[in-house]
Amino acid sequence: MSLQEGQRVKLADDLRLSDPIEAAGTVIGILSLAAGTEGTVERVIEHVHETPDVAEYGRLTSLLDSYGDTMPPESKKQLEQKIAELEPAWTAFHEQGSQVTVRVHFDNGFILDASPQHIFVPA
């Protein structure tokens, strides 16, 4: 599910916001937001975690696509071998996909920022 700015959402599960709170040496409680708490998505950010191997794979495949026909056979073979070595990192990168975080302004006034989108469901 991909959330959109302005979309109404609610928490899928209870969300613990604090460790036990103490006053005068006595635990007085834990602050949580209840499942079903509704709010509006204010911002959606897609994070792409590209490793150096993934970037190198992209650079080398582009090089091969652009100049492979004009390369000396031995150079082309070395380039293809390096690309094959980097392919597992490229495959893992695409299987993982990007991580999306959101900022949600809840109806009760709380704002939850940099939260993974999977903790919300459409309202």
PDB file of N, CA and C in Angstrom:
ATOM      1  N   MET A   1       0.851  -1.172   0.000  1.00  0.00           N
ATOM      2  CA  MET A   1       0.000   0.000   0.000  1.00  0.00           C
ATOM      3  C   MET A   1       0.895   1.232   0.000  1.00  0.00           C
ATOM      4  N   SER A   2       0.579   2.189  -0.820  1.00  0.00           N
ATOM      5  CA  SER A   2       1.337   3.431  -0.876  1.00  0.00           C
ATOM      6  C   SER A   2       0.441   4.567  -0.415  1.00  0.00           C
ATOM      7  N   LEU A   3       0.853   5.212   0.676  1.00  0.00           N
ATOM      8  CA  LEU A   3       0.062   6.310   1.217  1.00  0.00           C
ATOM      9  C   LEU A   3       0.325   7.588   0.436  1.00  0.00           C
ATOM     10  N   GLN A   4      -0.647   8.489   0.449  1.00  0.00           N
ATOM     11  CA  GLN A   4      -0.556   9.757  -0.276  1.00  0.00           C
ATOM     12  C   GLN A   4      -0.753  10.915   0.694  1.00  0.00           C
ATOM     13  N   GLU A   5      -0.125  12.054   0.414  1.00  0.00           N
ATOM     14  CA  GLU A   5      -0.351  13.246   1.220  1.00  0.00           C
ATOM     15  C   GLU A   5      -1.827  13.601   1.185  1.00  0.00           C
ATOM     16  N   GLY A   6      -2.368  13.960   2.353  1.00  0.00           N
ATOM     17  CA  GLY A   6      -3.776  14.313   2.458  1.00  0.00           C
ATOM     18  C   GLY A   6      -4.692  13.130   2.743  1.00  0.00           C
ATOM     19  N   GLN A   7      -4.180  11.924   2.640  1.00  0.00           N
ATOM     20  CA  GLN A   7      -4.980  10.723   2.856  1.00  0.00           C
ATOM     21  C   GLN A   7      -5.290  10.550   4.342  1.00  0.00           C
ATOM     22  N   ARG A   8      -6.500  10.107   4.643  1.00  0.00           N
ATOM     23  CA  ARG A   8      -6.889   9.805   6.021  1.00  0.00           C
ATOM     24  C   ARG A   8      -6.453   8.380   6.337  1.00  0.00           C
ATOM     25  N   VAL A   9      -5.824   8.219   7.506  1.00  0.00           N
ATOM     26  CA  VAL A   9      -5.322   6.916   7.927  1.00  0.00           C
ATOM     27  C   VAL A   9      -5.634   6.704   9.397  1.00  0.00           C
ATOM     28  N   LYS A  10      -5.455   5.449   9.827  1.00  0.00           N
ATOM     29  CA  LYS A  10      -5.553   5.142  11.256  1.00  0.00           C
ATOM     30  C   LYS A  10      -4.465   4.131  11.598  1.00  0.00           C
ATOM     31  N   LEU A  11      -4.084   4.120  12.855  1.00  0.00           N
ATOM     32  CA  LEU A  11      -3.069   3.180  13.309  1.00  0.00           C
ATOM     33  C   LEU A  11      -3.600   1.761  13.229  1.00  0.00           C
ATOM     34  N   ALA A  12      -2.790   0.855  12.731  1.00  0.00           N
ATOM     35  CA  ALA A  12      -3.198  -0.542  12.604  1.00  0.00           C
ATOM     36  C   ALA A  12      -3.151  -1.255  13.958  1.00  0.00           C
ATOM     37  N   ASP A  13      -2.213  -0.884  14.824  1.00  0.00           N
ATOM     38  CA  ASP A  13      -2.036  -1.512  16.137  1.00  0.00           C
ATOM     39  C   ASP A  13      -1.729  -0.434  17.163  1.00  0.00           C
ATOM     40  N   ASP A  14      -1.820  -0.806  18.440  1.00  0.00           N
ATOM     41  CA  ASP A  14      -1.396   0.113  19.491  1.00  0.00           C
ATOM     42  C   ASP A  14       0.064   0.485  19.253  1.00  0.00           C
ATOM     43  N   LEU A  15       0.416   1.727  19.555  1.00  0.00           N
ATOM     44  CA  LEU A  15       1.776   2.205  19.354  1.00  0.00           C
ATOM     45  C   LEU A  15       2.301   2.794  20.658  1.00  0.00           C
ATOM     46  N   ARG A  16       3.276   2.105  21.238  1.00  0.00           N
ATOM     47  CA  ARG A  16       3.876   2.561  22.495  1.00  0.00           C
ATOM     48  C   ARG A  16       4.806   3.734  22.200  1.00  0.00           C
ATOM     49  N   LEU A  17       4.597   4.865  22.892  1.00  0.00           N
ATOM     50  CA  LEU A  17       5.378   6.069  22.650  1.00  0.00           C
ATOM     51  C   LEU A  17       6.455   6.324  23.697  1.00  0.00           C
ATOM     52  N   SER A  18       6.357   5.666  24.836  1.00  0.00           N
ATOM     53  CA  SER A  18       7.340   5.937  25.885  1.00  0.00           C
ATOM     54  C   SER A  18       7.634   4.685  26.694  1.00  0.00           C
ATOM     55  N   ASP A  19       8.742   4.739  27.392  1.00  0.00           N
ATOM     56  CA  ASP A  19       9.048   3.734  28.406  1.00  0.00           C
ATOM     57  C   ASP A  19       8.197   4.076  29.623  1.00  0.00           C
ATOM     58  N   PRO A  20       8.177   3.207  30.630  1.00  0.00           N
ATOM     59  CA  PRO A  20       7.404   3.541  31.833  1.00  0.00           C
ATOM     60  C   PRO A  20       7.802   4.919  32.387  1.00  0.00           C
ATOM     61  N   ILE A  21       6.807   5.715  32.708  1.00  0.00           N
ATOM     62  CA  ILE A  21       7.017   7.061  33.242  1.00  0.00           C
ATOM     63  C   ILE A  21       6.965   6.992  34.759  1.00  0.00           C
ATOM     64  N   GLU A  22       7.977   7.597  35.390  1.00  0.00           N
ATOM     65  CA  GLU A  22       8.035   7.583  36.848  1.00  0.00           C
ATOM     66  C   GLU A  22       7.857   8.986  37.396  1.00  0.00           C
ATOM     67  N   ALA A  23       7.208   9.064  38.543  1.00  0.00           N
ATOM     68  CA  ALA A  23       7.087  10.308  39.297  1.00  0.00           C
ATOM     69  C   ALA A  23       7.286   9.961  40.763  1.00  0.00           C
ATOM     70  N   ALA A  24       8.224  10.626  41.397  1.00  0.00           N
ATOM     71  CA  ALA A  24       8.540  10.389  42.811  1.00  0.00           C
ATOM     72  C   ALA A  24       8.848   8.905  43.069  1.00  0.00           C
ATOM     73  N   GLY A  25       9.548   8.269  42.114  1.00  0.00           N
ATOM     74  CA  GLY A  25       9.954   6.888  42.301  1.00  0.00           C
ATOM     75  C   GLY A  25       8.873   5.859  42.049  1.00  0.00           C
ATOM     76  N   THR A  26       7.704   6.282  41.606  1.00  0.00           N
ATOM     77  CA  THR A  26       6.599   5.371  41.334  1.00  0.00           C
ATOM     78  C   THR A  26       6.267   5.391  39.846  1.00  0.00           C
ATOM     79  N   VAL A  27       6.120   4.205  39.248  1.00  0.00           N
ATOM     80  CA  VAL A  27       5.723   4.123  37.843  1.00  0.00           C
ATOM     81  C   VAL A  27       4.263   4.534  37.742  1.00  0.00           C
ATOM     82  N   ILE A  28       4.018   5.549  36.899  1.00  0.00           N
ATOM     83  CA  ILE A  28       2.637   6.023  36.765  1.00  0.00           C
ATOM     84  C   ILE A  28       1.997   5.632  35.446  1.00  0.00           C
ATOM     85  N   GLY A  29       2.784   5.073  34.526  1.00  0.00           N
ATOM     86  CA  GLY A  29       2.166   4.590  33.297  1.00  0.00           C
ATOM     87  C   GLY A  29       3.083   4.635  32.096  1.00  0.00           C
ATOM     88  N   ILE A  30       2.535   4.226  30.974  1.00  0.00           N
ATOM     89  CA  ILE A  30       3.218   4.201  29.687  1.00  0.00           C
ATOM     90  C   ILE A  30       2.320   4.928  28.700  1.00  0.00           C
ATOM     91  N   LEU A  31       2.903   5.827  27.935  1.00  0.00           N
ATOM     92  CA  LEU A  31       2.140   6.592  26.951  1.00  0.00           C
ATOM     93  C   LEU A  31       2.051   5.810  25.642  1.00  0.00           C
ATOM     94  N   SER A  32       0.838   5.599  25.154  1.00  0.00           N
ATOM     95  CA  SER A  32       0.607   4.871  23.903  1.00  0.00           C
ATOM     96  C   SER A  32      -0.489   5.556  23.108  1.00  0.00           C
ATOM     97  N   LEU A  33      -0.477   5.327  21.803  1.00  0.00           N
ATOM     98  CA  LEU A  33      -1.603   5.691  20.946  1.00  0.00           C
ATOM     99  C   LEU A  33      -2.336   4.405  20.604  1.00  0.00           C
ATOM    100  N   ALA A  34      -3.629   4.434  20.717  1.00  0.00           N
ATOM    101  CA  ALA A  34      -4.438   3.232  20.520  1.00  0.00           C
ATOM    102  C   ALA A  34      -4.621   2.917  19.034  1.00  0.00           C
ATOM    103  N   ALA A  35      -4.731   1.632  18.739  1.00  0.00           N
ATOM    104  CA  ALA A  35      -5.077   1.202  17.390  1.00  0.00           C
ATOM    105  C   ALA A  35      -6.375   1.889  16.995  1.00  0.00           C
ATOM    106  N   GLY A  36      -6.449   2.326  15.763  1.00  0.00           N
ATOM    107  CA  GLY A  36      -7.646   2.999  15.290  1.00  0.00           C
ATOM    108  C   GLY A  36      -7.590   4.512  15.409  1.00  0.00           C
ATOM    109  N   THR A  37      -6.567   5.062  16.072  1.00  0.00           N
ATOM    110  CA  THR A  37      -6.425   6.511  16.162  1.00  0.00           C
ATOM    111  C   THR A  37      -6.249   7.064  14.755  1.00  0.00           C
ATOM    112  N   GLU A  38      -7.094   8.047  14.399  1.00  0.00           N
ATOM    113  CA  GLU A  38      -7.113   8.553  13.022  1.00  0.00           C
ATOM    114  C   GLU A  38      -6.357   9.852  12.871  1.00  0.00           C
ATOM    115  N   GLY A  39      -5.847  10.064  11.651  1.00  0.00           N
ATOM    116  CA  GLY A  39      -5.150  11.290  11.326  1.00  0.00           C
ATOM    117  C   GLY A  39      -5.008  11.449   9.829  1.00  0.00           C
ATOM    118  N   THR A  40      -4.263  12.480   9.445  1.00  0.00           N
ATOM    119  CA  THR A  40      -4.070  12.806   8.037  1.00  0.00           C
ATOM    120  C   THR A  40      -2.583  12.767   7.704  1.00  0.00           C
ATOM    121  N   VAL A  41      -2.253  12.141   6.587  1.00  0.00           N
ATOM    122  CA  VAL A  41      -0.871  12.082   6.133  1.00  0.00           C
ATOM    123  C   VAL A  41      -0.472  13.473   5.638  1.00  0.00           C
ATOM    124  N   GLU A  42       0.592  14.023   6.252  1.00  0.00           N
ATOM    125  CA  GLU A  42       1.075  15.342   5.844  1.00  0.00           C
ATOM    126  C   GLU A  42       2.246  15.263   4.871  1.00  0.00           C
ATOM    127  N   ARG A  43       3.045  14.195   4.980  1.00  0.00           N
ATOM    128  CA  ARG A  43       4.230  14.089   4.129  1.00  0.00           C
ATOM    129  C   ARG A  43       4.561  12.615   3.911  1.00  0.00           C
ATOM    130  N   VAL A  44       5.007  12.292   2.722  1.00  0.00           N
ATOM    131  CA  VAL A  44       5.448  10.939   2.364  1.00  0.00           C
ATOM    132  C   VAL A  44       6.868  11.059   1.801  1.00  0.00           C
ATOM    133  N   ILE A  45       7.790  10.265   2.365  1.00  0.00           N
ATOM    134  CA  ILE A  45       9.175  10.301   1.904  1.00  0.00           C
ATOM    135  C   ILE A  45       9.603   8.892   1.540  1.00  0.00           C
ATOM    136  N   GLU A  46      10.125   8.742   0.322  1.00  0.00           N
ATOM    137  CA  GLU A  46      10.634   7.446  -0.136  1.00  0.00           C
ATOM    138  C   GLU A  46      12.154   7.444   0.027  1.00  0.00           C
ATOM    139  N   HIS A  47      12.657   6.473   0.758  1.00  0.00           N
ATOM    140  CA  HIS A  47      14.091   6.346   1.009  1.00  0.00           C
ATOM    141  C   HIS A  47      14.631   5.194   0.160  1.00  0.00           C
ATOM    142  N   VAL A  48      15.655   5.485  -0.600  1.00  0.00           N
ATOM    143  CA  VAL A  48      16.307   4.463  -1.414  1.00  0.00           C
ATOM    144  C   VAL A  48      17.691   4.236  -0.820  1.00  0.00           C
ATOM    145  N   HIS A  49      17.958   3.004  -0.397  1.00  0.00           N
ATOM    146  CA  HIS A  49      19.230   2.664   0.227  1.00  0.00           C
ATOM    147  C   HIS A  49      20.107   1.926  -0.779  1.00  0.00           C
ATOM    148  N   GLU A  50      20.805   2.722  -1.583  1.00  0.00           N
ATOM    149  CA  GLU A  50      21.654   2.151  -2.625  1.00  0.00           C
ATOM    150  C   GLU A  50      23.072   1.966  -2.078  1.00  0.00           C
ATOM    151  N   THR A  51      23.546   0.740  -2.094  1.00  0.00           N
ATOM    152  CA  THR A  51      24.903   0.453  -1.628  1.00  0.00           C
ATOM    153  C   THR A  51      25.906   0.808  -2.728  1.00  0.00           C
ATOM    154  N   PRO A  52      27.181   0.920  -2.382  1.00  0.00           N
ATOM    155  CA  PRO A  52      28.187   1.169  -3.421  1.00  0.00           C
ATOM    156  C   PRO A  52      28.198   0.087  -4.507  1.00  0.00           C
ATOM    157  N   ASP A  53      27.968  -1.169  -4.132  1.00  0.00           N
ATOM    158  CA  ASP A  53      27.925  -2.245  -5.136  1.00  0.00           C
ATOM    159  C   ASP A  53      26.774  -2.056  -6.115  1.00  0.00           C
ATOM    160  N   VAL A  54      25.639  -1.591  -5.614  1.00  0.00           N
ATOM    161  CA  VAL A  54      24.475  -1.358  -6.484  1.00  0.00           C
ATOM    162  C   VAL A  54      24.771  -0.211  -7.450  1.00  0.00           C
ATOM    163  N   ALA A  55      25.366   0.851  -6.946  1.00  0.00           N
ATOM    164  CA  ALA A  55      25.715   1.980  -7.804  1.00  0.00           C
ATOM    165  C   ALA A  55      26.733   1.551  -8.865  1.00  0.00           C
ATOM    166  N   GLU A  56      27.708   0.754  -8.459  1.00  0.00           N
ATOM    167  CA  GLU A  56      28.725   0.278  -9.401  1.00  0.00           C
ATOM    168  C   GLU A  56      28.104  -0.626 -10.466  1.00  0.00           C
ATOM    169  N   TYR A  57      27.163  -1.479 -10.064  1.00  0.00           N
ATOM    170  CA  TYR A  57      26.466  -2.340 -11.029  1.00  0.00           C
ATOM    171  C   TYR A  57      25.769  -1.483 -12.088  1.00  0.00           C
ATOM    172  N   GLY A  58      25.064  -0.454 -11.622  1.00  0.00           N
ATOM    173  CA  GLY A  58      24.367   0.427 -12.558  1.00  0.00           C
ATOM    174  C   GLY A  58      25.319   1.144 -13.491  1.00  0.00           C
ATOM    175  N   ARG A  59      26.435   1.611 -12.951  1.00  0.00           N
ATOM    176  CA  ARG A  59      27.429   2.309 -13.764  1.00  0.00           C
ATOM    177  C   ARG A  59      28.045   1.379 -14.814  1.00  0.00           C
ATOM    178  N   LEU A  60      28.401   0.159 -14.387  1.00  0.00           N
ATOM    179  CA  LEU A  60      29.050  -0.779 -15.312  1.00  0.00           C
ATOM    180  C   LEU A  60      28.092  -1.290 -16.386  1.00  0.00           C
ATOM    181  N   THR A  61      26.843  -1.566 -16.027  1.00  0.00           N
ATOM    182  CA  THR A  61      25.902  -2.023 -17.051  1.00  0.00           C
ATOM    183  C   THR A  61      25.624  -0.918 -18.059  1.00  0.00           C
ATOM    184  N   SER A  62      25.593   0.319 -17.598  1.00  0.00           N
ATOM    185  CA  SER A  62      25.407   1.441 -18.520  1.00  0.00           C
ATOM    186  C   SER A  62      26.602   1.559 -19.470  1.00  0.00           C
ATOM    187  N   LEU A  63      27.782   1.372 -18.897  1.00  0.00           N
ATOM    188  CA  LEU A  63      28.997   1.393 -19.712  1.00  0.00           C
ATOM    189  C   LEU A  63      28.969   0.289 -20.769  1.00  0.00           C
ATOM    190  N   LEU A  64      28.580  -0.915 -20.353  1.00  0.00           N
ATOM    191  CA  LEU A  64      28.504  -2.038 -21.286  1.00  0.00           C
ATOM    192  C   LEU A  64      27.451  -1.788 -22.370  1.00  0.00           C
ATOM    193  N   ASP A  65      26.304  -1.284 -21.973  1.00  0.00           N
ATOM    194  CA  ASP A  65      25.244  -1.001 -22.950  1.00  0.00           C
ATOM    195  C   ASP A  65      25.686   0.055 -23.972  1.00  0.00           C
ATOM    196  N   SER A  66      26.402   1.075 -23.487  1.00  0.00           N
ATOM    197  CA  SER A  66      26.782   2.184 -24.366  1.00  0.00           C
ATOM    198  C   SER A  66      27.989   1.877 -25.245  1.00  0.00           C
ATOM    199  N   TYR A  67      28.977   1.187 -24.681  1.00  0.00           N
ATOM    200  CA  TYR A  67      30.236   1.019 -25.409  1.00  0.00           C
ATOM    201  C   TYR A  67      30.665  -0.437 -25.611  1.00  0.00           C
ATOM    202  N   GLY A  68      29.844  -1.378 -25.207  1.00  0.00           N
ATOM    203  CA  GLY A  68      30.210  -2.788 -25.316  1.00  0.00           C
ATOM    204  C   GLY A  68      30.562  -3.233 -26.713  1.00  0.00           C
ATOM    205  N   ASP A  69      29.862  -2.696 -27.706  1.00  0.00           N
ATOM    206  CA  ASP A  69      30.117  -3.095 -29.101  1.00  0.00           C
ATOM    207  C   ASP A  69      31.476  -2.630 -29.604  1.00  0.00           C
ATOM    208  N   THR A  70      32.013  -1.581 -29.007  1.00  0.00           N
ATOM    209  CA  THR A  70      33.282  -1.030 -29.482  1.00  0.00           C
ATOM    210  C   THR A  70      34.471  -1.432 -28.610  1.00  0.00           C
ATOM    211  N   MET A  71      34.223  -2.188 -27.554  1.00  0.00           N
ATOM    212  CA  MET A  71      35.298  -2.581 -26.634  1.00  0.00           C
ATOM    213  C   MET A  71      36.101  -3.749 -27.181  1.00  0.00           C
ATOM    214  N   PRO A  72      37.388  -3.781 -26.841  1.00  0.00           N
ATOM    215  CA  PRO A  72      38.179  -4.972 -27.168  1.00  0.00           C
ATOM    216  C   PRO A  72      37.564  -6.187 -26.457  1.00  0.00           C
ATOM    217  N   PRO A  73      37.581  -7.351 -27.067  1.00  0.00           N
ATOM    218  CA  PRO A  73      36.922  -8.531 -26.491  1.00  0.00           C
ATOM    219  C   PRO A  73      37.346  -8.848 -25.052  1.00  0.00           C
ATOM    220  N   GLU A  74      38.628  -8.733 -24.752  1.00  0.00           N
ATOM    221  CA  GLU A  74      39.088  -9.051 -23.395  1.00  0.00           C
ATOM    222  C   GLU A  74      38.553  -8.050 -22.371  1.00  0.00           C
ATOM    223  N   SER A  75      38.516  -6.784 -22.718  1.00  0.00           N
ATOM    224  CA  SER A  75      37.970  -5.756 -21.823  1.00  0.00           C
ATOM    225  C   SER A  75      36.477  -5.980 -21.590  1.00  0.00           C
ATOM    226  N   LYS A  76      35.791  -6.313 -22.656  1.00  0.00           N
ATOM    227  CA  LYS A  76      34.354  -6.571 -22.548  1.00  0.00           C
ATOM    228  C   LYS A  76      34.100  -7.776 -21.648  1.00  0.00           C
ATOM    229  N   LYS A  77      34.917  -8.806 -21.810  1.00  0.00           N
ATOM    230  CA  LYS A  77      34.776 -10.007 -20.985  1.00  0.00           C
ATOM    231  C   LYS A  77      35.006  -9.680 -19.506  1.00  0.00           C
ATOM    232  N   GLN A  78      36.019  -8.881 -19.190  1.00  0.00           N
ATOM    233  CA  GLN A  78      36.298  -8.488 -17.809  1.00  0.00           C
ATOM    234  C   GLN A  78      35.131  -7.687 -17.229  1.00  0.00           C
ATOM    235  N   LEU A  79      34.589  -6.794 -18.041  1.00  0.00           N
ATOM    236  CA  LEU A  79      33.453  -5.988 -17.600  1.00  0.00           C
ATOM    237  C   LEU A  79      32.246  -6.865 -17.317  1.00  0.00           C
ATOM    238  N   GLU A  80      31.960  -7.815 -18.174  1.00  0.00           N
ATOM    239  CA  GLU A  80      30.842  -8.739 -17.968  1.00  0.00           C
ATOM    240  C   GLU A  80      31.034  -9.579 -16.713  1.00  0.00           C
ATOM    241  N   GLN A  81      32.286  -9.978 -16.433  1.00  0.00           N
ATOM    242  CA  GLN A  81      32.563 -10.753 -15.220  1.00  0.00           C
ATOM    243  C   GLN A  81      32.316  -9.908 -13.972  1.00  0.00           C
ATOM    244  N   LYS A  82      32.749  -8.664 -14.006  1.00  0.00           N
ATOM    245  CA  LYS A  82      32.534  -7.771 -12.854  1.00  0.00           C
ATOM    246  C   LYS A  82      31.043  -7.532 -12.638  1.00  0.00           C
ATOM    247  N   ILE A  83      30.300  -7.350 -13.699  1.00  0.00           N
ATOM    248  CA  ILE A  83      28.848  -7.167 -13.603  1.00  0.00           C
ATOM    249  C   ILE A  83      28.205  -8.409 -12.990  1.00  0.00           C
ATOM    250  N   ALA A  84      28.638  -9.588 -13.419  1.00  0.00           N
ATOM    251  CA  ALA A  84      28.094 -10.842 -12.867  1.00  0.00           C
ATOM    252  C   ALA A  84      28.386 -10.953 -11.372  1.00  0.00           C
ATOM    253  N   GLU A  85      29.554 -10.493 -10.927  1.00  0.00           N
ATOM    254  CA  GLU A  85      29.889 -10.524  -9.498  1.00  0.00           C
ATOM    255  C   GLU A  85      28.983  -9.593  -8.686  1.00  0.00           C
ATOM    256  N   LEU A  86      28.591  -8.485  -9.279  1.00  0.00           N
ATOM    257  CA  LEU A  86      27.768  -7.493  -8.579  1.00  0.00           C
ATOM    258  C   LEU A  86      26.264  -7.764  -8.687  1.00  0.00           C
ATOM    259  N   GLU A  87      25.881  -8.682  -9.538  1.00  0.00           N
ATOM    260  CA  GLU A  87      24.458  -8.932  -9.772  1.00  0.00           C
ATOM    261  C   GLU A  87      23.679  -9.340  -8.521  1.00  0.00           C
ATOM    262  N   PRO A  88      24.228 -10.169  -7.610  1.00  0.00           N
ATOM    263  CA  PRO A  88      23.463 -10.495  -6.396  1.00  0.00           C
ATOM    264  C   PRO A  88      23.088  -9.255  -5.564  1.00  0.00           C
ATOM    265  N   ALA A  89      23.986  -8.280  -5.483  1.00  0.00           N
ATOM    266  CA  ALA A  89      23.681  -7.048  -4.746  1.00  0.00           C
ATOM    267  C   ALA A  89      22.562  -6.283  -5.440  1.00  0.00           C
ATOM    268  N   TRP A  90      22.584  -6.245  -6.768  1.00  0.00           N
ATOM    269  CA  TRP A  90      21.548  -5.566  -7.553  1.00  0.00           C
ATOM    270  C   TRP A  90      20.187  -6.245  -7.361  1.00  0.00           C
ATOM    271  N   THR A  91      20.196  -7.562  -7.415  1.00  0.00           N
ATOM    272  CA  THR A  91      18.951  -8.325  -7.241  1.00  0.00           C
ATOM    273  C   THR A  91      18.372  -8.100  -5.845  1.00  0.00           C
ATOM    274  N   ALA A  92      19.223  -8.153  -4.825  1.00  0.00           N
ATOM    275  CA  ALA A  92      18.761  -7.934  -3.442  1.00  0.00           C
ATOM    276  C   ALA A  92      18.201  -6.526  -3.275  1.00  0.00           C
ATOM    277  N   PHE A  93      18.830  -5.557  -3.897  1.00  0.00           N
ATOM    278  CA  PHE A  93      18.365  -4.166  -3.837  1.00  0.00           C
ATOM    279  C   PHE A  93      16.958  -4.043  -4.408  1.00  0.00           C
ATOM    280  N   HIS A  94      16.706  -4.675  -5.542  1.00  0.00           N
ATOM    281  CA  HIS A  94      15.378  -4.591  -6.152  1.00  0.00           C
ATOM    282  C   HIS A  94      14.336  -5.400  -5.400  1.00  0.00           C
ATOM    283  N   GLU A  95      14.727  -6.490  -4.798  1.00  0.00           N
ATOM    284  CA  GLU A  95      13.771  -7.275  -4.009  1.00  0.00           C
ATOM    285  C   GLU A  95      13.379  -6.530  -2.744  1.00  0.00           C
ATOM    286  N   GLN A  96      14.323  -5.822  -2.145  1.00  0.00           N
ATOM    287  CA  GLN A  96      14.056  -5.071  -0.920  1.00  0.00           C
ATOM    288  C   GLN A  96      13.129  -3.899  -1.187  1.00  0.00           C
ATOM    289  N   GLY A  97      13.317  -3.247  -2.300  1.00  0.00           N
ATOM    290  CA  GLY A  97      12.515  -2.084  -2.633  1.00  0.00           C
ATOM    291  C   GLY A  97      12.878  -0.891  -1.774  1.00  0.00           C
ATOM    292  N   SER A  98      12.141   0.181  -1.930  1.00  0.00           N
ATOM    293  CA  SER A  98      12.417   1.373  -1.151  1.00  0.00           C
ATOM    294  C   SER A  98      11.606   1.353   0.140  1.00  0.00           C
ATOM    295  N   GLN A  99      12.080   2.100   1.115  1.00  0.00           N
ATOM    296  CA  GLN A  99      11.365   2.228   2.375  1.00  0.00           C
ATOM    297  C   GLN A  99      10.645   3.569   2.354  1.00  0.00           C
ATOM    298  N   VAL A 100       9.377   3.561   2.750  1.00  0.00           N
ATOM    299  CA  VAL A 100       8.585   4.785   2.743  1.00  0.00           C
ATOM    300  C   VAL A 100       8.234   5.144   4.180  1.00  0.00           C
ATOM    301  N   THR A 101       8.525   6.419   4.543  1.00  0.00           N
ATOM    302  CA  THR A 101       8.125   6.917   5.849  1.00  0.00           C
ATOM    303  C   THR A 101       7.132   8.051   5.654  1.00  0.00           C
ATOM    304  N   VAL A 102       6.318   8.277   6.677  1.00  0.00           N
ATOM    305  CA  VAL A 102       5.278   9.302   6.591  1.00  0.00           C
ATOM    306  C   VAL A 102       5.249  10.158   7.854  1.00  0.00           C
ATOM    307  N   ARG A 103       4.671  11.329   7.706  1.00  0.00           N
ATOM    308  CA  ARG A 103       4.371  12.212   8.833  1.00  0.00           C
ATOM    309  C   ARG A 103       2.854  12.277   8.897  1.00  0.00           C
ATOM    310  N   VAL A 104       2.309  11.897  10.052  1.00  0.00           N
ATOM    311  CA  VAL A 104       0.855  11.884  10.228  1.00  0.00           C
ATOM    312  C   VAL A 104       0.484  12.817  11.375  1.00  0.00           C
ATOM    313  N   HIS A 105      -0.471  13.706  11.112  1.00  0.00           N
ATOM    314  CA  HIS A 105      -1.031  14.595  12.130  1.00  0.00           C
ATOM    315  C   HIS A 105      -2.347  13.964  12.593  1.00  0.00           C
ATOM    316  N   PHE A 106      -2.331  13.472  13.822  1.00  0.00           N
ATOM    317  CA  PHE A 106      -3.521  12.805  14.354  1.00  0.00           C
ATOM    318  C   PHE A 106      -4.574  13.819  14.760  1.00  0.00           C
ATOM    319  N   ASP A 107      -5.821  13.391  14.758  1.00  0.00           N
ATOM    320  CA  ASP A 107      -6.939  14.257  15.124  1.00  0.00           C
ATOM    321  C   ASP A 107      -6.827  14.751  16.564  1.00  0.00           C
ATOM    322  N   ASN A 108      -6.132  13.997  17.434  1.00  0.00           N
ATOM    323  CA  ASN A 108      -5.984  14.398  18.830  1.00  0.00           C
ATOM    324  C   ASN A 108      -4.849  15.393  19.038  1.00  0.00           C
ATOM    325  N   GLY A 109      -4.171  15.799  17.959  1.00  0.00           N
ATOM    326  CA  GLY A 109      -3.113  16.795  18.043  1.00  0.00           C
ATOM    327  C   GLY A 109      -1.706  16.235  17.980  1.00  0.00           C
ATOM    328  N   PHE A 110      -1.535  14.951  18.226  1.00  0.00           N
ATOM    329  CA  PHE A 110      -0.206  14.359  18.142  1.00  0.00           C
ATOM    330  C   PHE A 110       0.263  14.336  16.694  1.00  0.00           C
ATOM    331  N   ILE A 111       1.575  14.444  16.524  1.00  0.00           N
ATOM    332  CA  ILE A 111       2.190  14.303  15.206  1.00  0.00           C
ATOM    333  C   ILE A 111       3.219  13.194  15.312  1.00  0.00           C
ATOM    334  N   LEU A 112       3.157  12.246  14.404  1.00  0.00           N
ATOM    335  CA  LEU A 112       4.112  11.149  14.352  1.00  0.00           C
ATOM    336  C   LEU A 112       4.863  11.277  13.031  1.00  0.00           C
ATOM    337  N   ASP A 113       6.181  11.526  13.132  1.00  0.00           N
ATOM    338  CA  ASP A 113       6.981  11.784  11.940  1.00  0.00           C
ATOM    339  C   ASP A 113       8.001  10.666  11.734  1.00  0.00           C
ATOM    340  N   ALA A 114       8.444  10.471  10.485  1.00  0.00           N
ATOM    341  CA  ALA A 114       9.447   9.471  10.119  1.00  0.00           C
ATOM    342  C   ALA A 114       8.996   8.062  10.493  1.00  0.00           C
ATOM    343  N   SER A 115       7.720   7.794  10.355  1.00  0.00           N
ATOM    344  CA  SER A 115       7.143   6.494  10.704  1.00  0.00           C
ATOM    345  C   SER A 115       6.993   5.631   9.464  1.00  0.00           C
ATOM    346  N   PRO A 116       7.289   4.336   9.577  1.00  0.00           N
ATOM    347  CA  PRO A 116       7.094   3.467   8.408  1.00  0.00           C
ATOM    348  C   PRO A 116       5.612   3.414   8.037  1.00  0.00           C
ATOM    349  N   GLN A 117       5.332   3.451   6.750  1.00  0.00           N
ATOM    350  CA  GLN A 117       3.934   3.511   6.318  1.00  0.00           C
ATOM    351  C   GLN A 117       3.135   2.263   6.675  1.00  0.00           C
ATOM    352  N   HIS A 118       3.808   1.133   6.912  1.00  0.00           N
ATOM    353  CA  HIS A 118       3.075  -0.110   7.153  1.00  0.00           C
ATOM    354  C   HIS A 118       2.349  -0.126   8.499  1.00  0.00           C
ATOM    355  N   ILE A 119       2.588   0.842   9.389  1.00  0.00           N
ATOM    356  CA  ILE A 119       1.868   0.852  10.667  1.00  0.00           C
ATOM    357  C   ILE A 119       0.504   1.506  10.548  1.00  0.00           C
ATOM    358  N   PHE A 120       0.185   2.014   9.352  1.00  0.00           N
ATOM    359  CA  PHE A 120      -1.101   2.678   9.114  1.00  0.00           C
ATOM    360  C   PHE A 120      -1.956   1.905   8.102  1.00  0.00           C
ATOM    361  N   VAL A 121      -3.257   2.069   8.243  1.00  0.00           N
ATOM    362  CA  VAL A 121      -4.208   1.550   7.259  1.00  0.00           C
ATOM    363  C   VAL A 121      -5.130   2.685   6.869  1.00  0.00           C
ATOM    364  N   PRO A 122      -5.720   2.617   5.680  1.00  0.00           N
ATOM    365  CA  PRO A 122      -6.657   3.681   5.267  1.00  0.00           C
ATOM    366  C   PRO A 122      -7.825   3.776   6.251  1.00  0.00           C
ATOM    367  N   ALA A 123      -8.253   5.000   6.512  1.00  0.00           N
ATOM    368  CA  ALA A 123      -9.374   5.226   7.434  1.00  0.00           C
ATOM    369  C   ALA A 123     -10.693   5.044   6.707  1.00  0.00           C
TER     370      ALA A 123
END
